[in-house]
C-alpha cells in the first residue's frame, strides 16, 4: 500500500480550486465541454481527468 492511495496527497496542489482545474486555466465545465466535443485537453492529472469525466457524465444524466 502506498502513502497516497487516493491520488491526492497532503503536499500536492489541489486538483480543483473552486471550479478551476489547477494548472489548466479551465473550469470544470469548460473542460467537460471540450471532452464532449472530442477536443484536446491540457495536461490533466489522472484525478482531474476523472473529475472532468464524472462531471461530463453527470451533465448527460441530468438531461
Protein backbone atom coordinates (compact mmCIF):
# COMPACT_ATOMS: atom_id res chain seq x y z
CA UNK A 1 0.00 0.00 0.00
CA UNK A 2 1.43 3.39 -0.94
CA UNK A 3 1.44 6.53 1.16
CA UNK A 4 -1.02 8.17 -1.23
CA UNK A 5 -3.73 5.74 -2.32
CA UNK A 6 -6.31 8.41 -3.16
CA UNK A 7 -4.20 10.20 -5.78
CA UNK A 8 -4.37 13.45 -3.78
CA UNK A 9 -1.65 13.77 -1.16
CA UNK A 10 -1.10 16.34 1.57
CA UNK A 11 1.81 18.07 -0.16
CA UNK A 12 0.17 18.11 -3.59
CA UNK A 13 -1.54 21.08 -5.18
CA UNK A 14 -5.32 20.50 -5.07
CA UNK A 15 -6.74 19.30 -8.41
CA UNK A 16 -9.56 21.84 -8.24
CA UNK A 17 -9.83 25.25 -6.62
CA UNK A 18 -13.41 26.45 -6.72
CA UNK A 19 -14.41 25.46 -10.25
CA UNK A 20 -10.93 25.94 -11.78
CA UNK A 21 -8.82 22.89 -12.61
CA UNK A 22 -5.44 23.76 -11.12
CA UNK A 23 -2.75 24.38 -13.72
CA UNK A 24 -5.10 24.37 -16.70
CA UNK A 25 -6.88 27.71 -16.67
CA UNK A 26 -10.14 25.88 -17.41
CA UNK A 27 -13.22 25.49 -15.32
CA UNK A 28 -14.61 22.03 -14.78
CA UNK A 29 -17.49 22.87 -17.15
CA UNK A 30 -15.15 24.14 -19.87
CA UNK A 31 -13.02 21.01 -19.69
CA UNK A 32 -16.12 18.80 -19.79
CA UNK A 33 -17.38 20.64 -22.88
CA UNK A 34 -14.04 20.10 -24.60
CA UNK A 35 -14.10 16.43 -23.65
CA UNK A 36 -17.64 16.05 -25.03
CA UNK A 37 -16.58 17.66 -28.31
CA UNK A 38 -13.53 15.41 -28.57
CA UNK A 39 -11.21 18.41 -28.36
CA UNK A 40 -7.75 18.27 -26.85
CA UNK A 41 -7.50 18.96 -23.15
CA UNK A 42 -4.47 20.46 -21.45
CA UNK A 43 -2.36 18.05 -19.45
CA UNK A 44 -4.66 16.85 -16.70
CA UNK A 45 -3.63 14.77 -13.75
CA UNK A 46 -5.38 11.40 -13.50
CA UNK A 47 -7.51 12.80 -10.68
CA UNK A 48 -8.51 15.84 -12.75
CA UNK A 49 -9.32 13.62 -15.73
CA UNK A 50 -11.66 11.51 -13.59
CA UNK A 51 -13.30 14.65 -12.22
CA UNK A 52 -13.91 16.01 -15.73
CA UNK A 53 -15.28 12.67 -16.95
CA UNK A 54 -17.61 12.35 -13.96
CA UNK A 55 -18.78 15.94 -14.39
CA UNK A 56 -19.49 15.36 -18.09
CA UNK A 57 -21.44 12.19 -17.26
CA UNK A 58 -23.48 13.98 -14.62
CA UNK A 59 -24.49 16.60 -17.20
CA UNK A 60 -25.64 13.87 -19.60
CA UNK A 61 -27.58 12.12 -16.82
CA UNK A 62 -29.31 15.41 -15.96
CA UNK A 63 -30.81 15.69 -19.46
